[in-house]
Amino acid sequence: MVMNATLSTDIGKKLREIRDAEGLTRQQFFELTGVPVVTQKFYETGRRDGVGSEVLIKITQHPRFEKYALWLVTGKTSEAAGQISPTLSPDGQDITLSHQKGQKVG
């Protein structure tokens, strides 16, 4: 059970990282994905265990967020396949390291 709680908490933190990288409020994220604001808050703060598959599908199948699908679920990236983490997002806020700036990703 501890492993599941940790996984859930990690995904909650990742959801927050995605929102931050994309410069979105919880309300804006809801408008794009249909994931309710309160649900997002519970995931992001670790107050809710177990991120449901419906939620993951809503997020990872949205064109704006599909680039994070692999990272969200596994923690891995595959830049050649267009699968990145929020820190590598060319569309989000400029939070990349200086040596990554200007690189085309995905």
Foldseek 3Di string as FASTA:
>chain_A
DVVQLVLLLLLLCQVVLQCQQLVHDLVRVCVQQVQDSVNSVCSNVSVDTDDDPSSLCSQCVRPVRVLQNCCSNPVDADQVVSNDGSLLDPNGDPNHDPVSPPDDTD
